[in-house]
N, C-alpha and C. Protein backbone atom coordinates (compact mmCIF):
# COMPACT_ATOMS: atom_id res chain seq x y z
N THR A 1 133.23 197.42 121.63
CA THR A 1 132.61 198.37 120.90
C THR A 1 131.39 198.68 121.54
N GLY A 2 130.58 199.85 121.18
CA GLY A 2 129.50 200.37 121.61
C GLY A 2 128.25 199.44 121.20
N TRP A 3 128.33 199.13 119.79
CA TRP A 3 127.25 198.15 119.05
C TRP A 3 127.42 197.06 119.97
N ARG A 4 128.67 196.29 120.11
CA ARG A 4 128.58 194.90 120.76
C ARG A 4 128.12 194.98 122.17
N ARG A 5 128.42 195.94 122.88
CA ARG A 5 127.80 196.25 124.42
C ARG A 5 126.39 196.43 124.22
N ASP A 6 125.83 196.61 123.02
CA ASP A 6 124.27 196.94 123.11
C ASP A 6 123.78 195.83 122.82
N GLY A 7 124.64 194.85 121.88
CA GLY A 7 124.16 193.59 121.49
C GLY A 7 123.96 192.55 122.66
N ARG A 8 125.20 192.69 123.47
CA ARG A 8 125.29 192.06 124.73
C ARG A 8 124.13 192.27 125.71
N GLU A 9 123.68 193.65 125.75
CA GLU A 9 122.76 194.15 126.71
C GLU A 9 121.51 193.46 126.21
N CYS A 10 121.23 193.54 125.05
CA CYS A 10 119.90 193.06 124.43
C CYS A 10 120.01 191.66 124.51
N ARG A 11 120.82 190.97 124.59
CA ARG A 11 120.89 189.45 124.82
C ARG A 11 120.60 188.75 126.29
N ARG A 12 121.14 189.89 127.26
CA ARG A 12 121.11 189.70 128.67
C ARG A 12 119.55 189.95 128.72
N GLN A 13 118.96 190.79 128.71
CA GLN A 13 117.65 191.38 128.59
C GLN A 13 116.73 190.49 128.43
N GLY A 14 117.01 189.79 126.95
CA GLY A 14 116.00 188.45 126.88
C GLY A 14 116.33 187.42 127.35
N ARG A 15 117.42 187.12 127.99
CA ARG A 15 117.80 185.98 129.14
C ARG A 15 117.19 186.06 130.16
N LEU A 16 117.22 187.44 130.80
CA LEU A 16 116.45 187.52 131.92
C LEU A 16 115.17 188.06 132.13
N SER A 17 114.37 188.49 131.24
CA SER A 17 113.03 189.02 131.07
C SER A 17 112.36 187.87 129.93
N ARG A 18 112.15 186.64 130.26
CA ARG A 18 111.47 185.81 129.20
C ARG A 18 110.01 186.34 128.90
N GLU A 19 109.49 187.03 129.88
CA GLU A 19 107.86 187.39 129.75
C GLU A 19 107.93 188.45 128.41
N HIS A 20 108.81 189.22 128.32
CA HIS A 20 109.11 190.08 127.10
C HIS A 20 109.84 189.92 125.93
N PRO A 21 109.52 190.28 124.86
CA PRO A 21 110.43 189.84 123.73
C PRO A 21 111.81 190.73 124.01
N PRO A 22 112.97 189.92 123.39
CA PRO A 22 114.20 190.68 123.58
C PRO A 22 114.55 192.01 122.99
N PRO A 23 114.97 193.04 123.24
CA PRO A 23 115.07 194.22 122.45
C PRO A 23 116.12 193.90 121.39
N GLN A 24 115.73 194.63 119.95
CA GLN A 24 116.56 194.55 118.95
C GLN A 24 117.97 195.30 119.09
N PRO A 25 118.94 194.36 118.95
CA PRO A 25 120.37 195.28 119.19
C PRO A 25 120.26 196.48 117.82
N TYR A 26 121.15 197.30 118.27
CA TYR A 26 121.08 198.63 116.84
C TYR A 26 121.79 197.79 115.75
N ALA A 27 122.92 197.10 115.77
CA ALA A 27 123.69 196.55 114.61
C ALA A 27 122.65 195.79 113.69
N GLN A 28 121.58 195.16 114.58
CA GLN A 28 120.51 194.10 113.80
C GLN A 28 119.75 195.11 113.11
N GLN A 29 119.18 196.13 114.04
CA GLN A 29 118.37 197.01 113.36
C GLN A 29 119.14 197.99 111.80
N CYS A 30 120.22 198.10 112.11
CA CYS A 30 120.81 198.45 110.71
C CYS A 30 121.28 197.39 109.78
N PHE A 31 121.61 196.78 110.18
CA PHE A 31 122.37 195.65 109.03
C PHE A 31 121.74 194.34 109.17
N GLY A 32 120.70 193.87 109.73
CA GLY A 32 120.20 192.27 110.02
C GLY A 32 119.15 191.99 109.11
N ASP A 33 119.40 192.34 107.78
CA ASP A 33 118.45 192.28 106.91
C ASP A 33 118.75 190.84 106.08
N GLY A 34 119.68 190.05 106.59
CA GLY A 34 120.08 188.96 105.61
C GLY A 34 120.74 188.92 104.49
N GLU A 35 121.23 190.18 103.98
CA GLU A 35 121.86 190.34 102.94
C GLU A 35 123.51 190.25 103.08
N VAL A 36 124.09 190.84 102.00
CA VAL A 36 125.74 190.83 102.20
C VAL A 36 125.93 192.19 102.76
N THR A 37 126.81 191.97 103.83
CA THR A 37 127.51 193.20 104.66
C THR A 37 128.88 192.95 104.66
N VAL A 38 129.40 194.10 103.92
CA VAL A 38 131.21 193.83 104.08
C VAL A 38 131.46 195.17 105.07
N ALA A 39 132.06 194.81 106.10
CA ALA A 39 132.65 195.69 107.14
C ALA A 39 133.97 195.61 106.82
N VAL A 40 134.61 197.27 106.71
CA VAL A 40 136.06 197.55 106.55
C VAL A 40 136.50 198.36 107.54
N THR A 41 137.85 198.08 108.10
CA THR A 41 138.21 199.04 109.07
C THR A 41 139.70 199.01 108.76
N ASP A 42 140.38 200.34 109.08
CA ASP A 42 141.57 200.53 109.33
C ASP A 42 142.66 199.86 110.31
N HIS A 43 141.65 199.05 111.24
CA HIS A 43 142.17 198.46 112.26
C HIS A 43 142.11 196.90 112.14
N VAL A 44 141.98 196.32 113.20
CA VAL A 44 141.98 194.68 112.99
C VAL A 44 140.63 194.15 112.80
N SER A 45 140.24 193.31 111.93
CA SER A 45 139.11 192.94 111.47
C SER A 45 138.18 192.16 112.65
N THR A 46 138.93 192.10 113.86
CA THR A 46 137.93 191.52 115.05
C THR A 46 137.16 192.53 115.61
N LEU A 47 137.50 193.75 115.33
CA LEU A 47 136.72 194.93 115.66
C LEU A 47 135.33 194.73 114.79
N SER A 48 135.40 194.39 113.87
CA SER A 48 133.90 193.97 113.12
C SER A 48 133.46 193.09 113.29
N ASP A 49 134.05 192.00 113.74
CA ASP A 49 133.68 190.70 113.72
C ASP A 49 132.75 190.55 115.17
N GLN A 50 132.79 191.61 116.14
CA GLN A 50 132.20 191.68 117.35
C GLN A 50 131.07 191.90 117.18
N ILE A 51 130.46 192.32 115.81
CA ILE A 51 128.86 192.69 115.79
C ILE A 51 128.54 191.38 114.64
N SER A 52 128.96 190.47 114.19
CA SER A 52 128.69 189.86 113.11
C SER A 52 127.57 188.92 113.36
N ARG A 53 127.21 188.40 114.70
CA ARG A 53 126.14 187.64 115.14
C ARG A 53 124.81 188.32 115.16
N TRP A 54 124.80 189.61 115.02
CA TRP A 54 123.57 190.46 114.91
C TRP A 54 123.25 190.97 113.26
N VAL A 55 124.39 190.55 112.69
CA VAL A 55 124.17 191.35 111.22
C VAL A 55 123.29 190.47 110.31
N GLY A 56 123.80 189.01 110.49
CA GLY A 56 123.15 188.26 109.89
C GLY A 56 123.45 188.20 108.08
N GLY A 57 122.94 187.05 107.86
CA GLY A 57 123.40 187.09 106.09
C GLY A 57 124.69 187.05 105.96
N GLU A 58 125.42 187.33 104.74
CA GLU A 58 126.89 187.02 104.62
C GLU A 58 127.53 188.27 105.05
N PHE A 59 128.32 187.68 105.98
CA PHE A 59 128.94 189.12 106.73
C PHE A 59 130.64 188.71 106.52
N ILE A 60 131.22 189.77 105.61
CA ILE A 60 132.28 189.83 105.22
C ILE A 60 133.22 191.01 106.16
N SER A 61 134.45 190.42 106.82
CA SER A 61 135.00 191.38 107.56
C SER A 61 136.49 191.58 106.91
N LEU A 62 136.79 192.91 106.72
CA LEU A 62 138.19 192.89 106.16
C LEU A 62 138.83 194.04 107.37
N GLY A 63 140.10 193.99 107.26
CA GLY A 63 140.83 194.74 108.20
C GLY A 63 142.36 194.66 108.26
N THR A 64 143.10 195.61 108.74
CA THR A 64 144.51 195.49 108.48
C THR A 64 145.47 194.81 109.42
N GLU A 65 144.88 194.15 110.42
CA GLU A 65 145.24 193.22 111.18
C GLU A 65 146.11 193.62 112.13
N GLY A 66 146.37 194.89 112.14
CA GLY A 66 147.20 195.44 113.30
C GLY A 66 148.86 195.79 112.86
N PHE A 67 148.99 195.59 111.26
CA PHE A 67 150.40 195.65 111.09
C PHE A 67 150.35 197.09 110.74
N GLY A 68 151.59 197.96 110.82
CA GLY A 68 152.01 199.21 110.12
C GLY A 68 153.03 198.95 109.24
N ARG A 69 152.79 198.89 108.02
CA ARG A 69 153.75 198.37 107.26
C ARG A 69 153.98 199.19 105.78
N SER A 70 153.23 200.27 105.94
CA SER A 70 152.89 201.07 104.55
C SER A 70 153.33 202.51 104.76
N ASP A 71 153.82 203.09 103.79
CA ASP A 71 154.30 204.53 103.90
C ASP A 71 152.94 205.66 103.88
N SER A 72 151.65 205.22 103.19
CA SER A 72 150.55 205.93 103.15
C SER A 72 149.22 205.28 103.39
N ARG A 73 148.49 206.04 103.84
CA ARG A 73 146.97 205.29 104.15
C ARG A 73 146.64 204.21 102.98
N GLU A 74 146.87 204.96 101.44
CA GLU A 74 146.51 204.34 100.40
C GLU A 74 147.25 203.00 100.17
N ALA A 75 148.57 203.08 100.54
CA ALA A 75 149.37 201.73 100.28
C ALA A 75 149.00 200.88 101.36
N LEU A 76 148.89 201.33 102.57
CA LEU A 76 148.30 200.40 103.81
C LEU A 76 147.22 199.73 103.38
N ARG A 77 146.06 200.37 102.79
CA ARG A 77 144.81 199.65 102.36
C ARG A 77 145.05 198.62 101.02
N ARG A 78 145.83 198.98 100.11
CA ARG A 78 146.12 197.94 99.30
C ARG A 78 146.77 196.72 99.74
N PHE A 79 147.98 196.99 100.60
CA PHE A 79 148.55 195.78 101.04
C PHE A 79 147.66 194.91 101.84
N PHE A 80 146.78 195.39 102.72
CA PHE A 80 146.02 194.71 103.37
C PHE A 80 144.53 194.33 102.73
N GLU A 81 144.59 194.82 101.42
CA GLU A 81 143.36 194.19 100.63
C GLU A 81 142.02 194.94 101.17
N ILE A 82 142.17 196.32 101.63
CA ILE A 82 140.64 196.72 102.15
C ILE A 82 140.70 198.38 101.38
N ASP A 83 141.32 198.42 100.08
CA ASP A 83 141.24 199.61 99.60
C ASP A 83 139.62 199.32 98.62
N THR A 84 139.38 200.17 98.04
CA THR A 84 138.00 200.16 96.96
C THR A 84 138.19 199.01 96.31
N GLU A 85 138.93 198.71 95.42
CA GLU A 85 138.94 197.46 94.57
C GLU A 85 138.68 196.13 95.39
N HIS A 86 139.36 195.98 96.62
CA HIS A 86 139.08 194.75 97.04
C HIS A 86 137.68 194.82 97.77
N VAL A 87 137.31 196.01 98.54
CA VAL A 87 135.99 195.71 98.73
C VAL A 87 134.81 195.69 97.76
N VAL A 88 134.93 196.14 96.77
CA VAL A 88 134.26 196.07 95.46
C VAL A 88 133.74 194.27 95.34
N VAL A 89 135.07 193.95 95.02
CA VAL A 89 135.42 192.40 94.85
C VAL A 89 134.70 191.64 96.07
N ALA A 90 134.81 192.19 97.26
CA ALA A 90 134.25 191.44 98.28
C ALA A 90 132.76 191.35 98.25
N ALA A 91 132.27 192.80 97.91
CA ALA A 91 130.85 192.54 97.80
C ALA A 91 130.35 191.61 96.92
N LEU A 92 130.99 191.74 95.70
CA LEU A 92 130.46 190.89 94.60
C LEU A 92 130.67 189.41 94.70
N SER A 93 131.42 189.17 95.40
CA SER A 93 131.93 187.71 95.89
C SER A 93 130.67 187.10 96.87
N GLY A 94 130.47 188.17 97.79
CA GLY A 94 129.42 187.67 98.53
C GLY A 94 127.97 187.51 97.99
N LEU A 95 127.50 188.17 97.19
CA LEU A 95 126.50 188.28 96.36
C LEU A 95 126.53 186.98 95.53
N SER A 96 127.67 186.60 94.96
CA SER A 96 127.73 185.48 93.96
C SER A 96 127.51 184.26 94.96
N ARG A 97 128.06 184.05 96.24
CA ARG A 97 127.80 182.95 97.06
C ARG A 97 126.50 182.96 97.67
N ARG A 98 125.73 183.82 97.48
CA ARG A 98 124.28 183.81 98.10
C ARG A 98 123.33 183.40 96.62
N GLY A 99 124.03 183.67 95.47
CA GLY A 99 123.28 182.99 94.24
C GLY A 99 122.41 184.22 93.32
N ALA A 100 123.09 185.56 94.08
CA ALA A 100 122.34 186.89 93.39
C ALA A 100 123.26 187.33 92.21
N LEU A 101 124.34 186.75 91.92
CA LEU A 101 125.21 187.37 90.85
C LEU A 101 126.11 185.75 90.23
N PRO A 102 126.40 185.66 89.12
CA PRO A 102 127.04 184.74 88.73
C PRO A 102 128.48 184.85 89.02
N ALA A 103 129.28 183.64 89.26
CA ALA A 103 130.58 184.00 89.65
C ALA A 103 131.67 184.72 88.21
N GLU A 104 130.86 184.73 87.30
CA GLU A 104 131.99 185.37 86.09
C GLU A 104 131.89 186.88 86.26
N VAL A 105 131.12 187.14 87.00
CA VAL A 105 130.95 188.79 87.37
C VAL A 105 132.09 189.18 88.34
N VAL A 106 132.25 188.24 89.32
CA VAL A 106 133.18 188.39 90.50
C VAL A 106 134.87 188.42 89.50
N VAL A 107 135.02 187.34 88.80
CA VAL A 107 136.32 186.88 87.95
C VAL A 107 136.59 188.41 86.98
N GLU A 108 135.60 188.82 86.26
CA GLU A 108 135.34 189.99 85.52
C GLU A 108 135.86 191.15 86.45
N ALA A 109 135.57 191.53 87.42
CA ALA A 109 135.75 192.63 88.22
C ALA A 109 136.92 192.39 88.83
N ARG A 110 137.36 191.36 89.36
CA ARG A 110 138.62 190.84 89.64
C ARG A 110 139.80 191.46 88.64
N GLU A 111 139.36 190.88 87.44
CA GLU A 111 140.43 191.11 86.40
C GLU A 111 140.52 192.71 86.18
N LYS A 112 139.25 193.56 85.93
CA LYS A 112 139.22 194.82 85.70
C LYS A 112 139.93 195.56 86.74
N LEU A 113 139.85 195.42 88.03
CA LEU A 113 140.27 196.11 89.29
C LEU A 113 141.48 195.62 89.49
N GLY A 114 142.30 194.73 88.98
CA GLY A 114 143.48 194.45 89.32
C GLY A 114 143.57 193.74 90.65
N VAL A 115 142.92 192.95 91.22
CA VAL A 115 142.97 192.19 92.63
C VAL A 115 143.47 190.89 92.04
N ALA A 116 144.53 190.50 92.63
CA ALA A 116 145.22 189.37 92.07
C ALA A 116 144.83 188.40 93.23
N THR A 117 144.72 186.66 92.94
CA THR A 117 144.41 185.82 93.90
C THR A 117 145.35 184.84 94.25
N GLU A 118 146.56 184.87 93.50
CA GLU A 118 147.78 184.13 93.72
C GLU A 118 148.76 184.75 94.75
N ARG A 119 148.32 185.84 95.39
CA ARG A 119 149.02 186.50 96.31
C ARG A 119 148.82 185.86 97.78
N THR A 120 149.70 185.91 98.44
CA THR A 120 149.72 185.24 99.71
C THR A 120 148.88 186.10 100.87
N ASP A 121 148.13 185.45 101.57
CA ASP A 121 147.30 186.33 102.61
C ASP A 121 148.24 186.73 103.65
N VAL A 122 148.20 188.15 103.71
CA VAL A 122 149.15 189.02 104.52
C VAL A 122 148.98 188.50 105.71
N CYS A 123 147.92 188.19 106.32
CA CYS A 123 147.94 187.39 107.79
C CYS A 123 148.58 186.28 108.01
N ALA A 124 149.02 185.58 107.20
CA ALA A 124 149.51 184.49 107.10
C ALA A 124 151.44 184.63 107.59
N ILE A 125 151.53 185.92 106.95
CA ILE A 125 153.12 186.47 106.79
C ILE A 125 153.72 186.51 108.23
């Protein structure tokens, strides 16, 4: 991706020009605040994983992992757990892991939004 190329170029400049501070990658400028970032794509999660090193904080990457198993975009997103409900739970879970929210908030949201925990990870199928 363009953001990954930018990050690699900034890292390269920092490695080759030790007399100057390295430029800050665009992904780090946008998301490098050390907080929770949930990256969601209708493509494989490795796409967003490419910039994780420059984001910092709690980086949660969600994607469809390349399978075409649904008759609609909404069904696809629900199947691969990248729909609105799963994104909300992922964000709350990240905040909880960082100590910003009690775990009970995540449990309540999961129950209210109908996000199941006992389901098999679709990437393991």
